[in-house]
Amino acid sequence: MAVTEYDVTRIPGGNLRVSRSEFAAVWAAAEHRDASGVDWYAGGVVDTCRWLAGRSVRRPATGRTGIAYEERIEDESVAAESLAVRRPDLVGLQPGWCEGVRATLRWAWRRDGGPPVSAVGGPSE
């Protein structure tokens, strides 16, 4: 799925703690990397970016529905920290997905660490 300028301008200001342009570049790189359908890490990044941007109402760490806003993003960030423990099935069936969700929320919401993928699509860590 392509990331459009319209998608980026629609992101609520309180949903990100990184610049929109940096977020858009990382989101687009993750979408490109995820296009193969076999990179679960990129899939976790994509799902989280889509939710933060308001393109999805499915929350990445809890699976609940609801649009992203500040309090909900904080709740998802907390849930993401223990996602692999709470959902060990994901670790085996979708290796890297939990890490992608966690890395994206740490970066975009908590400003902890670098981008989860680089602008050229590789892992940043």
PDB file of N, CA and C in Angstrom:
ATOM      1  N   MET A   1       0.842  -1.174   0.000  1.00  0.00           N
ATOM      2  CA  MET A   1       0.000   0.000   0.000  1.00  0.00           C
ATOM      3  C   MET A   1       0.891   1.242   0.000  1.00  0.00           C
ATOM      4  N   ALA A   2       0.647   2.123  -0.879  1.00  0.00           N
ATOM      5  CA  ALA A   2       1.458   3.344  -0.966  1.00  0.00           C
ATOM      6  C   ALA A   2       1.086   4.331   0.141  1.00  0.00           C
ATOM      7  N   VAL A   3       2.077   5.039   0.609  1.00  0.00           N
ATOM      8  CA  VAL A   3       1.867   6.110   1.578  1.00  0.00           C
ATOM      9  C   VAL A   3       1.746   7.396   0.782  1.00  0.00           C
ATOM     10  N   THR A   4       0.594   8.039   0.882  1.00  0.00           N
ATOM     11  CA  THR A   4       0.355   9.253   0.105  1.00  0.00           C
ATOM     12  C   THR A   4       0.544  10.497   0.965  1.00  0.00           C
ATOM     13  N   GLU A   5       0.702  11.614   0.302  1.00  0.00           N
ATOM     14  CA  GLU A   5       0.792  12.898   1.008  1.00  0.00           C
ATOM     15  C   GLU A   5      -0.478  13.138   1.812  1.00  0.00           C
ATOM     16  N   TYR A   6      -1.605  12.731   1.248  1.00  0.00           N
ATOM     17  CA  TYR A   6      -2.883  12.867   1.947  1.00  0.00           C
ATOM     18  C   TYR A   6      -2.865  12.085   3.264  1.00  0.00           C
ATOM     19  N   ASP A   7      -2.337  10.849   3.240  1.00  0.00           N
ATOM     20  CA  ASP A   7      -2.244  10.042   4.458  1.00  0.00           C
ATOM     21  C   ASP A   7      -1.419  10.769   5.518  1.00  0.00           C
ATOM     22  N   VAL A   8      -0.318  11.342   5.088  1.00  0.00           N
ATOM     23  CA  VAL A   8       0.604  11.999   6.025  1.00  0.00           C
ATOM     24  C   VAL A   8      -0.025  13.258   6.613  1.00  0.00           C
ATOM     25  N   THR A   9      -0.710  14.041   5.801  1.00  0.00           N
ATOM     26  CA  THR A   9      -1.310  15.280   6.318  1.00  0.00           C
ATOM     27  C   THR A   9      -2.470  14.995   7.271  1.00  0.00           C
ATOM     28  N   ARG A  10      -3.045  13.822   7.192  1.00  0.00           N
ATOM     29  CA  ARG A  10      -4.170  13.456   8.061  1.00  0.00           C
ATOM     30  C   ARG A  10      -3.747  12.947   9.434  1.00  0.00           C
ATOM     31  N   ILE A  11      -2.467  12.698   9.643  1.00  0.00           N
ATOM     32  CA  ILE A  11      -2.016  12.163  10.928  1.00  0.00           C
ATOM     33  C   ILE A  11      -2.249  13.212  12.018  1.00  0.00           C
ATOM     34  N   PRO A  12      -2.994  12.858  13.050  1.00  0.00           N
ATOM     35  CA  PRO A  12      -3.207  13.811  14.144  1.00  0.00           C
ATOM     36  C   PRO A  12      -1.872  14.215  14.765  1.00  0.00           C
ATOM     37  N   GLY A  13      -1.720  15.496  15.026  1.00  0.00           N
ATOM     38  CA  GLY A  13      -0.469  16.031  15.540  1.00  0.00           C
ATOM     39  C   GLY A  13       0.015  15.369  16.825  1.00  0.00           C
ATOM     40  N   GLY A  14      -0.878  14.970  17.686  1.00  0.00           N
ATOM     41  CA  GLY A  14      -0.494  14.357  18.953  1.00  0.00           C
ATOM     42  C   GLY A  14      -0.109  12.899  18.860  1.00  0.00           C
ATOM     43  N   ASN A  15      -0.235  12.296  17.680  1.00  0.00           N
ATOM     44  CA  ASN A  15       0.045  10.869  17.547  1.00  0.00           C
ATOM     45  C   ASN A  15       1.516  10.543  17.344  1.00  0.00           C
ATOM     46  N   LEU A  16       2.316  11.533  17.046  1.00  0.00           N
ATOM     47  CA  LEU A  16       3.732  11.288  16.768  1.00  0.00           C
ATOM     48  C   LEU A  16       4.606  12.180  17.632  1.00  0.00           C
ATOM     49  N   ARG A  17       5.761  11.653  17.985  1.00  0.00           N
ATOM     50  CA  ARG A  17       6.768  12.452  18.678  1.00  0.00           C
ATOM     51  C   ARG A  17       8.047  12.516  17.853  1.00  0.00           C
ATOM     52  N   VAL A  18       7.898  12.205  16.567  1.00  0.00           N
ATOM     53  CA  VAL A  18       8.952  12.387  15.568  1.00  0.00           C
ATOM     54  C   VAL A  18       8.326  13.237  14.470  1.00  0.00           C
ATOM     55  N   SER A  19       9.141  13.760  13.582  1.00  0.00           N
ATOM     56  CA  SER A  19       8.581  14.609  12.527  1.00  0.00           C
ATOM     57  C   SER A  19       7.724  13.789  11.560  1.00  0.00           C
ATOM     58  N   ARG A  20       6.722  14.433  10.998  1.00  0.00           N
ATOM     59  CA  ARG A  20       5.868  13.769  10.006  1.00  0.00           C
ATOM     60  C   ARG A  20       6.683  13.270   8.818  1.00  0.00           C
ATOM     61  N   SER A  21       7.650  14.084   8.381  1.00  0.00           N
ATOM     62  CA  SER A  21       8.428  13.684   7.211  1.00  0.00           C
ATOM     63  C   SER A  21       9.276  12.451   7.502  1.00  0.00           C
ATOM     64  N   GLU A  22       9.883  12.398   8.670  1.00  0.00           N
ATOM     65  CA  GLU A  22      10.669  11.212   9.034  1.00  0.00           C
ATOM     66  C   GLU A  22       9.749   9.997   9.174  1.00  0.00           C
ATOM     67  N   PHE A  23       8.606  10.183   9.822  1.00  0.00           N
ATOM     68  CA  PHE A  23       7.635   9.104   9.985  1.00  0.00           C
ATOM     69  C   PHE A  23       7.181   8.596   8.622  1.00  0.00           C
ATOM     70  N   ALA A  24       6.867   9.512   7.716  1.00  0.00           N
ATOM     71  CA  ALA A  24       6.405   9.126   6.376  1.00  0.00           C
ATOM     72  C   ALA A  24       7.463   8.330   5.629  1.00  0.00           C
ATOM     73  N   ALA A  25       8.725   8.737   5.748  1.00  0.00           N
ATOM     74  CA  ALA A  25       9.810   8.022   5.059  1.00  0.00           C
ATOM     75  C   ALA A  25       9.965   6.609   5.608  1.00  0.00           C
ATOM     76  N   VAL A  26       9.894   6.465   6.919  1.00  0.00           N
ATOM     77  CA  VAL A  26      10.008   5.140   7.535  1.00  0.00           C
ATOM     78  C   VAL A  26       8.798   4.287   7.171  1.00  0.00           C
ATOM     79  N   TRP A  27       7.615   4.859   7.234  1.00  0.00           N
ATOM     80  CA  TRP A  27       6.396   4.133   6.885  1.00  0.00           C
ATOM     81  C   TRP A  27       6.466   3.643   5.434  1.00  0.00           C
ATOM     82  N   ALA A  28       6.851   4.516   4.522  1.00  0.00           N
ATOM     83  CA  ALA A  28       6.950   4.131   3.108  1.00  0.00           C
ATOM     84  C   ALA A  28       7.991   3.025   2.904  1.00  0.00           C
ATOM     85  N   ALA A  29       9.130   3.120   3.587  1.00  0.00           N
ATOM     86  CA  ALA A  29      10.163   2.090   3.472  1.00  0.00           C
ATOM     87  C   ALA A  29       9.647   0.757   3.998  1.00  0.00           C
ATOM     88  N   ALA A  30       8.910   0.797   5.108  1.00  0.00           N
ATOM     89  CA  ALA A  30       8.350  -0.440   5.671  1.00  0.00           C
ATOM     90  C   ALA A  30       7.301  -1.035   4.741  1.00  0.00           C
ATOM     91  N   GLU A  31       6.464  -0.189   4.156  1.00  0.00           N
ATOM     92  CA  GLU A  31       5.458  -0.684   3.199  1.00  0.00           C
ATOM     93  C   GLU A  31       6.150  -1.371   2.017  1.00  0.00           C
ATOM     94  N   HIS A  32       7.218  -0.759   1.518  1.00  0.00           N
ATOM     95  CA  HIS A  32       7.964  -1.338   0.396  1.00  0.00           C
ATOM     96  C   HIS A  32       8.562  -2.692   0.792  1.00  0.00           C
ATOM     97  N   ARG A  33       9.173  -2.717   1.954  1.00  0.00           N
ATOM     98  CA  ARG A  33       9.805  -3.953   2.443  1.00  0.00           C
ATOM     99  C   ARG A  33       8.764  -5.032   2.719  1.00  0.00           C
ATOM    100  N   ASP A  34       7.589  -4.639   3.167  1.00  0.00           N
ATOM    101  CA  ASP A  34       6.522  -5.590   3.510  1.00  0.00           C
ATOM    102  C   ASP A  34       5.807  -6.132   2.280  1.00  0.00           C
ATOM    103  N   ALA A  35       6.022  -5.524   1.132  1.00  0.00           N
ATOM    104  CA  ALA A  35       5.307  -5.926  -0.083  1.00  0.00           C
ATOM    105  C   ALA A  35       5.546  -7.388  -0.442  1.00  0.00           C
ATOM    106  N   SER A  36       6.656  -7.955  -0.013  1.00  0.00           N
ATOM    107  CA  SER A  36       6.941  -9.364  -0.301  1.00  0.00           C
ATOM    108  C   SER A  36       6.019 -10.286   0.481  1.00  0.00           C
ATOM    109  N   GLY A  37       5.489  -9.793   1.592  1.00  0.00           N
ATOM    110  CA  GLY A  37       4.578 -10.593   2.400  1.00  0.00           C
ATOM    111  C   GLY A  37       5.260 -11.634   3.266  1.00  0.00           C
ATOM    112  N   VAL A  38       6.587 -11.651   3.307  1.00  0.00           N
ATOM    113  CA  VAL A  38       7.294 -12.655   4.099  1.00  0.00           C
ATOM    114  C   VAL A  38       8.148 -12.048   5.216  1.00  0.00           C
ATOM    115  N   ASP A  39       8.134 -10.741   5.355  1.00  0.00           N
ATOM    116  CA  ASP A  39       8.949 -10.060   6.350  1.00  0.00           C
ATOM    117  C   ASP A  39       8.045  -9.623   7.498  1.00  0.00           C
ATOM    118  N   TRP A  40       7.970 -10.455   8.527  1.00  0.00           N
ATOM    119  CA  TRP A  40       7.060 -10.172   9.639  1.00  0.00           C
ATOM    120  C   TRP A  40       7.471  -8.929  10.418  1.00  0.00           C
ATOM    121  N   TYR A  41       8.765  -8.659  10.529  1.00  0.00           N
ATOM    122  CA  TYR A  41       9.213  -7.446  11.208  1.00  0.00           C
ATOM    123  C   TYR A  41       8.635  -6.221  10.501  1.00  0.00           C
ATOM    124  N   ALA A  42       8.817  -6.158   9.185  1.00  0.00           N
ATOM    125  CA  ALA A  42       8.274  -5.032   8.412  1.00  0.00           C
ATOM    126  C   ALA A  42       6.759  -4.971   8.543  1.00  0.00           C
ATOM    127  N   GLY A  43       6.109  -6.118   8.596  1.00  0.00           N
ATOM    128  CA  GLY A  43       4.659  -6.151   8.775  1.00  0.00           C
ATOM    129  C   GLY A  43       4.227  -5.524  10.090  1.00  0.00           C
ATOM    130  N   GLY A  44       4.990  -5.774  11.150  1.00  0.00           N
ATOM    131  CA  GLY A  44       4.691  -5.153  12.442  1.00  0.00           C
ATOM    132  C   GLY A  44       4.877  -3.650  12.401  1.00  0.00           C
ATOM    133  N   VAL A  45       5.919  -3.207  11.703  1.00  0.00           N
ATOM    134  CA  VAL A  45       6.157  -1.769  11.544  1.00  0.00           C
ATOM    135  C   VAL A  45       5.008  -1.141  10.761  1.00  0.00           C
ATOM    136  N   VAL A  46       4.629  -1.774   9.648  1.00  0.00           N
ATOM    137  CA  VAL A  46       3.552  -1.257   8.804  1.00  0.00           C
ATOM    138  C   VAL A  46       2.243  -1.160   9.581  1.00  0.00           C
ATOM    139  N   ASP A  47       1.866  -2.227  10.265  1.00  0.00           N
ATOM    140  CA  ASP A  47       0.608  -2.209  11.021  1.00  0.00           C
ATOM    141  C   ASP A  47       0.598  -1.099  12.061  1.00  0.00           C
ATOM    142  N   THR A  48       1.726  -0.895  12.714  1.00  0.00           N
ATOM    143  CA  THR A  48       1.812   0.148  13.733  1.00  0.00           C
ATOM    144  C   THR A  48       1.760   1.534  13.108  1.00  0.00           C
ATOM    145  N   CYS A  49       2.477   1.727  12.016  1.00  0.00           N
ATOM    146  CA  CYS A  49       2.433   3.027  11.323  1.00  0.00           C
ATOM    147  C   CYS A  49       1.023   3.331  10.827  1.00  0.00           C
ATOM    148  N   ARG A  50       0.375   2.350  10.241  1.00  0.00           N
ATOM    149  CA  ARG A  50      -0.996   2.574   9.752  1.00  0.00           C
ATOM    150  C   ARG A  50      -1.921   2.976  10.884  1.00  0.00           C
ATOM    151  N   TRP A  51      -1.775   2.321  12.027  1.00  0.00           N
ATOM    152  CA  TRP A  51      -2.635   2.642  13.157  1.00  0.00           C
ATOM    153  C   TRP A  51      -2.330   4.050  13.679  1.00  0.00           C
ATOM    154  N   LEU A  52      -1.066   4.367  13.850  1.00  0.00           N
ATOM    155  CA  LEU A  52      -0.706   5.705  14.322  1.00  0.00           C
ATOM    156  C   LEU A  52      -1.200   6.793  13.372  1.00  0.00           C
ATOM    157  N   ALA A  53      -1.207   6.485  12.080  1.00  0.00           N
ATOM    158  CA  ALA A  53      -1.623   7.459  11.070  1.00  0.00           C
ATOM    159  C   ALA A  53      -3.131   7.521  10.884  1.00  0.00           C
ATOM    160  N   GLY A  54      -3.853   6.654  11.532  1.00  0.00           N
ATOM    161  CA  GLY A  54      -5.306   6.665  11.413  1.00  0.00           C
ATOM    162  C   GLY A  54      -5.838   5.892  10.224  1.00  0.00           C
ATOM    163  N   ARG A  55      -5.006   5.103   9.571  1.00  0.00           N
ATOM    164  CA  ARG A  55      -5.439   4.302   8.423  1.00  0.00           C
ATOM    165  C   ARG A  55      -6.074   2.986   8.848  1.00  0.00           C
ATOM    166  N   SER A  56      -5.878   2.610  10.079  1.00  0.00           N
ATOM    167  CA  SER A  56      -6.412   1.363  10.601  1.00  0.00           C
ATOM    168  C   SER A  56      -6.965   1.620  11.982  1.00  0.00           C
ATOM    169  N   VAL A  57      -7.989   0.876  12.357  1.00  0.00           N
ATOM    170  CA  VAL A  57      -8.505   1.006  13.710  1.00  0.00           C
ATOM    171  C   VAL A  57      -8.117  -0.198  14.566  1.00  0.00           C
ATOM    172  N   ARG A  58      -7.426  -1.166  13.986  1.00  0.00           N
ATOM    173  CA  ARG A  58      -6.961  -2.321  14.758  1.00  0.00           C
ATOM    174  C   ARG A  58      -5.638  -1.972  15.431  1.00  0.00           C
ATOM    175  N   ARG A  59      -5.650  -2.048  16.736  1.00  0.00           N
ATOM    176  CA  ARG A  59      -4.473  -1.701  17.523  1.00  0.00           C
ATOM    177  C   ARG A  59      -3.431  -2.813  17.415  1.00  0.00           C
ATOM    178  N   PRO A  60      -2.168  -2.459  17.181  1.00  0.00           N
ATOM    179  CA  PRO A  60      -1.155  -3.475  16.869  1.00  0.00           C
ATOM    180  C   PRO A  60      -0.757  -4.386  18.025  1.00  0.00           C
ATOM    181  N   ALA A  61      -0.701  -3.892  19.238  1.00  0.00           N
ATOM    182  CA  ALA A  61      -0.222  -4.704  20.358  1.00  0.00           C
ATOM    183  C   ALA A  61      -1.333  -5.483  21.047  1.00  0.00           C
ATOM    184  N   THR A  62      -2.527  -4.903  21.112  1.00  0.00           N
ATOM    185  CA  THR A  62      -3.622  -5.565  21.818  1.00  0.00           C
ATOM    186  C   THR A  62      -4.622  -6.224  20.881  1.00  0.00           C
ATOM    187  N   GLY A  63      -4.642  -5.796  19.621  1.00  0.00           N
ATOM    188  CA  GLY A  63      -5.613  -6.341  18.672  1.00  0.00           C
ATOM    189  C   GLY A  63      -7.001  -5.752  18.821  1.00  0.00           C
ATOM    190  N   ARG A  64      -7.192  -4.895  19.805  1.00  0.00           N
ATOM    191  CA  ARG A  64      -8.490  -4.244  19.979  1.00  0.00           C
ATOM    192  C   ARG A  64      -8.704  -3.237  18.853  1.00  0.00           C
ATOM    193  N   THR A  65      -9.937  -2.805  18.706  1.00  0.00           N
ATOM    194  CA  THR A  65     -10.216  -1.779  17.719  1.00  0.00           C
ATOM    195  C   THR A  65     -10.327  -0.427  18.409  1.00  0.00           C
ATOM    196  N   GLY A  66     -10.028   0.592  17.680  1.00  0.00           N
ATOM    197  CA  GLY A  66     -10.126   1.955  18.187  1.00  0.00           C
ATOM    198  C   GLY A  66      -9.067   2.825  17.549  1.00  0.00           C
ATOM    199  N   ILE A  67      -9.455   4.031  17.215  1.00  0.00           N
ATOM    200  CA  ILE A  67      -8.517   4.948  16.570  1.00  0.00           C
ATOM    201  C   ILE A  67      -7.401   5.337  17.530  1.00  0.00           C
ATOM    202  N   ALA A  68      -6.281   5.718  16.955  1.00  0.00           N
ATOM    203  CA  ALA A  68      -5.126   6.113  17.757  1.00  0.00           C
ATOM    204  C   ALA A  68      -5.289   7.547  18.258  1.00  0.00           C
ATOM    205  N   TYR A  69      -5.095   7.726  19.522  1.00  0.00           N
ATOM    206  CA  TYR A  69      -4.970   9.037  20.140  1.00  0.00           C
ATOM    207  C   TYR A  69      -4.056   8.866  21.338  1.00  0.00           C
ATOM    208  N   GLU A  70      -3.611   9.948  21.922  1.00  0.00           N
ATOM    209  CA  GLU A  70      -2.510   9.923  22.872  1.00  0.00           C
ATOM    210  C   GLU A  70      -2.631   8.877  23.980  1.00  0.00           C
ATOM    211  N   GLU A  71      -3.737   8.822  24.686  1.00  0.00           N
ATOM    212  CA  GLU A  71      -3.875   7.868  25.787  1.00  0.00           C
ATOM    213  C   GLU A  71      -3.853   6.437  25.274  1.00  0.00           C
ATOM    214  N   ARG A  72      -4.488   6.205  24.158  1.00  0.00           N
ATOM    215  CA  ARG A  72      -4.520   4.865  23.585  1.00  0.00           C
ATOM    216  C   ARG A  72      -3.138   4.451  23.088  1.00  0.00           C
ATOM    217  N   ILE A  73      -2.405   5.388  22.520  1.00  0.00           N
ATOM    218  CA  ILE A  73      -1.050   5.084  22.048  1.00  0.00           C
ATOM    219  C   ILE A  73      -0.167   4.705  23.231  1.00  0.00           C
ATOM    220  N   GLU A  74      -0.299   5.413  24.322  1.00  0.00           N
ATOM    221  CA  GLU A  74       0.472   5.066  25.520  1.00  0.00           C
ATOM    222  C   GLU A  74       0.111   3.659  25.998  1.00  0.00           C
ATOM    223  N   ASP A  75      -1.173   3.331  26.018  1.00  0.00           N
ATOM    224  CA  ASP A  75      -1.599   1.985  26.410  1.00  0.00           C
ATOM    225  C   ASP A  75      -0.997   0.919  25.493  1.00  0.00           C
ATOM    226  N   GLU A  76      -0.980   1.185  24.197  1.00  0.00           N
ATOM    227  CA  GLU A  76      -0.406   0.230  23.241  1.00  0.00           C
ATOM    228  C   GLU A  76       1.095   0.095  23.448  1.00  0.00           C
ATOM    229  N   SER A  77       1.751   1.194  23.760  1.00  0.00           N
ATOM    230  CA  SER A  77       3.191   1.147  24.015  1.00  0.00           C
ATOM    231  C   SER A  77       3.508   0.250  25.206  1.00  0.00           C
ATOM    232  N   VAL A  78       2.731   0.384  26.248  1.00  0.00           N
ATOM    233  CA  VAL A  78       2.920  -0.457  27.430  1.00  0.00           C
ATOM    234  C   VAL A  78       2.642  -1.918  27.066  1.00  0.00           C
ATOM    235  N   ALA A  79       1.565  -2.169  26.355  1.00  0.00           N
ATOM    236  CA  ALA A  79       1.211  -3.541  25.953  1.00  0.00           C
ATOM    237  C   ALA A  79       2.263  -4.145  25.025  1.00  0.00           C
ATOM    238  N   ALA A  80       2.855  -3.338  24.176  1.00  0.00           N
ATOM    239  CA  ALA A  80       3.854  -3.829  23.229  1.00  0.00           C
ATOM    240  C   ALA A  80       5.103  -4.353  23.938  1.00  0.00           C
ATOM    241  N   GLU A  81       5.424  -3.784  25.081  1.00  0.00           N
ATOM    242  CA  GLU A  81       6.623  -4.218  25.799  1.00  0.00           C
ATOM    243  C   GLU A  81       6.535  -5.675  26.242  1.00  0.00           C
ATOM    244  N   SER A  82       5.355  -6.175  26.499  1.00  0.00           N
ATOM    245  CA  SER A  82       5.208  -7.570  26.930  1.00  0.00           C
ATOM    246  C   SER A  82       4.497  -8.426  25.878  1.00  0.00           C
ATOM    247  N   LEU A  83       4.389  -7.931  24.665  1.00  0.00           N
ATOM    248  CA  LEU A  83       3.651  -8.632  23.617  1.00  0.00           C
ATOM    249  C   LEU A  83       4.183 -10.041  23.368  1.00  0.00           C
ATOM    250  N   ALA A  84       5.478 -10.203  23.278  1.00  0.00           N
ATOM    251  CA  ALA A  84       6.055 -11.527  23.011  1.00  0.00           C
ATOM    252  C   ALA A  84       5.779 -12.506  24.149  1.00  0.00           C
ATOM    253  N   VAL A  85       5.698 -12.009  25.369  1.00  0.00           N
ATOM    254  CA  VAL A  85       5.409 -12.866  26.517  1.00  0.00           C
ATOM    255  C   VAL A  85       3.924 -13.239  26.541  1.00  0.00           C
ATOM    256  N   ARG A  86       3.077 -12.257  26.277  1.00  0.00           N
ATOM    257  CA  ARG A  86       1.635 -12.511  26.282  1.00  0.00           C
ATOM    258  C   ARG A  86       1.173 -13.336  25.098  1.00  0.00           C
ATOM    259  N   ARG A  87       1.872 -13.213  23.967  1.00  0.00           N
ATOM    260  CA  ARG A  87       1.484 -13.904  22.735  1.00  0.00           C
ATOM    261  C   ARG A  87       2.655 -14.701  22.151  1.00  0.00           C
ATOM    262  N   PRO A  88       3.116 -15.744  22.853  1.00  0.00           N
ATOM    263  CA  PRO A  88       4.254 -16.514  22.341  1.00  0.00           C
ATOM    264  C   PRO A  88       3.959 -17.177  20.995  1.00  0.00           C
ATOM    265  N   ASP A  89       2.683 -17.352  20.681  1.00  0.00           N
ATOM    266  CA  ASP A  89       2.315 -17.913  19.371  1.00  0.00           C
ATOM    267  C   ASP A  89       2.796 -17.001  18.240  1.00  0.00           C
ATOM    268  N   LEU A  90       2.752 -15.697  18.446  1.00  0.00           N
ATOM    269  CA  LEU A  90       3.219 -14.757  17.427  1.00  0.00           C
ATOM    270  C   LEU A  90       4.719 -14.891  17.193  1.00  0.00           C
ATOM    271  N   VAL A  91       5.452 -15.148  18.258  1.00  0.00           N
ATOM    272  CA  VAL A  91       6.905 -15.274  18.143  1.00  0.00           C
ATOM    273  C   VAL A  91       7.254 -16.428  17.208  1.00  0.00           C
ATOM    274  N   GLY A  92       6.524 -17.525  17.325  1.00  0.00           N
ATOM    275  CA  GLY A  92       6.792 -18.687  16.481  1.00  0.00           C
ATOM    276  C   GLY A  92       6.202 -18.597  15.094  1.00  0.00           C
ATOM    277  N   LEU A  93       4.990 -18.080  14.989  1.00  0.00           N
ATOM    278  CA  LEU A  93       4.285 -18.042  13.704  1.00  0.00           C
ATOM    279  C   LEU A  93       4.638 -16.829  12.852  1.00  0.00           C
ATOM    280  N   GLN A  94       4.958 -15.725  13.492  1.00  0.00           N
ATOM    281  CA  GLN A  94       5.254 -14.475  12.787  1.00  0.00           C
ATOM    282  C   GLN A  94       6.532 -13.858  13.365  1.00  0.00           C
ATOM    283  N   PRO A  95       7.663 -14.540  13.189  1.00  0.00           N
ATOM    284  CA  PRO A  95       8.897 -14.063  13.816  1.00  0.00           C
ATOM    285  C   PRO A  95       9.276 -12.651  13.374  1.00  0.00           C
ATOM    286  N   GLY A  96       9.517 -11.819  14.359  1.00  0.00           N
ATOM    287  CA  GLY A  96       9.891 -10.430  14.103  1.00  0.00           C
ATOM    288  C   GLY A  96       8.743  -9.448  14.218  1.00  0.00           C
ATOM    289  N   TRP A  97       7.512  -9.920  14.141  1.00  0.00           N
ATOM    290  CA  TRP A  97       6.359  -9.023  14.163  1.00  0.00           C
ATOM    291  C   TRP A  97       6.274  -8.247  15.479  1.00  0.00           C
ATOM    292  N   CYS A  98       6.397  -8.942  16.603  1.00  0.00           N
ATOM    293  CA  CYS A  98       6.330  -8.267  17.905  1.00  0.00           C
ATOM    294  C   CYS A  98       7.419  -7.210  18.024  1.00  0.00           C
ATOM    295  N   GLU A  99       8.617  -7.542  17.548  1.00  0.00           N
ATOM    296  CA  GLU A  99       9.738  -6.605  17.593  1.00  0.00           C
ATOM    297  C   GLU A  99       9.464  -5.377  16.735  1.00  0.00           C
ATOM    298  N   GLY A 100       8.832  -5.577  15.571  1.00  0.00           N
ATOM    299  CA  GLY A 100       8.491  -4.462  14.690  1.00  0.00           C
ATOM    300  C   GLY A 100       7.505  -3.503  15.338  1.00  0.00           C
ATOM    301  N   VAL A 101       6.492  -4.061  15.990  1.00  0.00           N
ATOM    302  CA  VAL A 101       5.498  -3.239  16.695  1.00  0.00           C
ATOM    303  C   VAL A 101       6.186  -2.458  17.811  1.00  0.00           C
ATOM    304  N   ARG A 102       6.941  -3.173  18.622  1.00  0.00           N
ATOM    305  CA  ARG A 102       7.613  -2.549  19.766  1.00  0.00           C
ATOM    306  C   ARG A 102       8.597  -1.464  19.319  1.00  0.00           C
ATOM    307  N   ALA A 103       9.408  -1.752  18.312  1.00  0.00           N
ATOM    308  CA  ALA A 103      10.397  -0.780  17.836  1.00  0.00           C
ATOM    309  C   ALA A 103       9.728   0.474  17.283  1.00  0.00           C
ATOM    310  N   THR A 104       8.615   0.303  16.599  1.00  0.00           N
ATOM    311  CA  THR A 104       7.920   1.455  16.018  1.00  0.00           C
ATOM    312  C   THR A 104       7.329   2.346  17.097  1.00  0.00           C
ATOM    313  N   LEU A 105       6.682   1.741  18.074  1.00  0.00           N
ATOM    314  CA  LEU A 105       6.111   2.538  19.156  1.00  0.00           C
ATOM    315  C   LEU A 105       7.201   3.195  19.990  1.00  0.00           C
ATOM    316  N   ARG A 106       8.284   2.488  20.251  1.00  0.00           N
ATOM    317  CA  ARG A 106       9.386   3.102  21.007  1.00  0.00           C
ATOM    318  C   ARG A 106       9.916   4.329  20.279  1.00  0.00           C
ATOM    319  N   TRP A 107      10.097   4.195  18.974  1.00  0.00           N
ATOM    320  CA  TRP A 107      10.659   5.299  18.183  1.00  0.00           C
ATOM    321  C   TRP A 107       9.666   6.442  17.992  1.00  0.00           C
ATOM    322  N   ALA A 108       8.481   6.140  17.450  1.00  0.00           N
ATOM    323  CA  ALA A 108       7.523   7.187  17.061  1.00  0.00           C
ATOM    324  C   ALA A 108       6.808   7.813  18.249  1.00  0.00           C
ATOM    325  N   TRP A 109       6.626   7.064  19.322  1.00  0.00           N
ATOM    326  CA  TRP A 109       5.869   7.579  20.454  1.00  0.00           C
ATOM    327  C   TRP A 109       6.771   7.971  21.627  1.00  0.00           C
ATOM    328  N   ARG A 110       7.703   7.114  21.975  1.00  0.00           N
ATOM    329  CA  ARG A 110       8.540   7.378  23.146  1.00  0.00           C
ATOM    330  C   ARG A 110       9.850   8.078  22.817  1.00  0.00           C
ATOM    331  N   ARG A 111      10.171   8.160  21.539  1.00  0.00           N
ATOM    332  CA  ARG A 111      11.440   8.750  21.091  1.00  0.00           C
ATOM    333  C   ARG A 111      12.617   8.016  21.724  1.00  0.00           C
ATOM    334  N   ASP A 112      12.496   6.713  21.746  1.00  0.00           N
ATOM    335  CA  ASP A 112      13.512   5.845  22.334  1.00  0.00           C
ATOM    336  C   ASP A 112      14.089   4.982  21.219  1.00  0.00           C
ATOM    337  N   GLY A 113      15.306   5.270  20.819  1.00  0.00           N
ATOM    338  CA  GLY A 113      15.940   4.508  19.754  1.00  0.00           C
ATOM    339  C   GLY A 113      15.710   5.147  18.392  1.00  0.00           C
ATOM    340  N   GLY A 114      16.318   4.527  17.406  1.00  0.00           N
ATOM    341  CA  GLY A 114      16.211   5.035  16.053  1.00  0.00           C
ATOM    342  C   GLY A 114      15.006   4.486  15.333  1.00  0.00           C
ATOM    343  N   PRO A 115      14.838   4.888  14.087  1.00  0.00           N
ATOM    344  CA  PRO A 115      13.712   4.390  13.285  1.00  0.00           C
ATOM    345  C   PRO A 115      13.760   2.864  13.168  1.00  0.00           C
ATOM    346  N   PRO A 116      12.607   2.215  13.131  1.00  0.00           N
ATOM    347  CA  PRO A 116      12.585   0.752  13.056  1.00  0.00           C
ATOM    348  C   PRO A 116      13.087   0.203  11.722  1.00  0.00           C
ATOM    349  N   VAL A 117      12.993   0.969  10.669  1.00  0.00           N
ATOM    350  CA  VAL A 117      13.596   0.629   9.366  1.00  0.00           C
ATOM    351  C   VAL A 117      14.228   1.893   8.808  1.00  0.00           C
ATOM    352  N   SER A 118      15.231   1.712   7.980  1.00  0.00           N
ATOM    353  CA  SER A 118      15.867   2.879   7.385  1.00  0.00           C
ATOM    354  C   SER A 118      15.112   3.285   6.126  1.00  0.00           C
ATOM    355  N   ALA A 119      15.427   4.439   5.619  1.00  0.00           N
ATOM    356  CA  ALA A 119      14.758   4.939   4.408  1.00  0.00           C
ATOM    357  C   ALA A 119      14.988   4.024   3.212  1.00  0.00           C
ATOM    358  N   VAL A 120      16.021   3.183   3.262  1.00  0.00           N
ATOM    359  CA  VAL A 120      16.251   2.244   2.174  1.00  0.00           C
ATOM    360  C   VAL A 120      15.646   0.878   2.476  1.00  0.00           C
ATOM    361  N   GLY A 121      14.941   0.750   3.599  1.00  0.00           N
ATOM    362  CA  GLY A 121      14.203  -0.461   3.890  1.00  0.00           C
ATOM    363  C   GLY A 121      14.868  -1.484   4.769  1.00  0.00           C
ATOM    364  N   GLY A 122      16.083  -1.279   5.207  1.00  0.00           N
ATOM    365  CA  GLY A 122      16.750  -2.248   6.071  1.00  0.00           C
ATOM    366  C   GLY A 122      16.520  -1.939   7.530  1.00  0.00           C
ATOM    367  N   PRO A 123      16.801  -2.887   8.415  1.00  0.00           N
ATOM    368  CA  PRO A 123      16.664  -2.607   9.844  1.00  0.00           C
ATOM    369  C   PRO A 123      17.625  -1.505  10.247  1.00  0.00           C
ATOM    370  N   SER A 124      17.178  -0.662  11.158  1.00  0.00           N
ATOM    371  CA  SER A 124      18.023   0.423  11.623  1.00  0.00           C
ATOM    372  C   SER A 124      18.902  -0.014  12.773  1.00  0.00           C
ATOM    373  N   GLU A 125      18.498  -1.066  13.442  1.00  0.00           N
ATOM    374  CA  GLU A 125      19.227  -1.481  14.645  1.00  0.00           C
ATOM    375  C   GLU A 125      20.286  -2.494  14.321  1.00  0.00           C
TER     376      GLU A 125
END
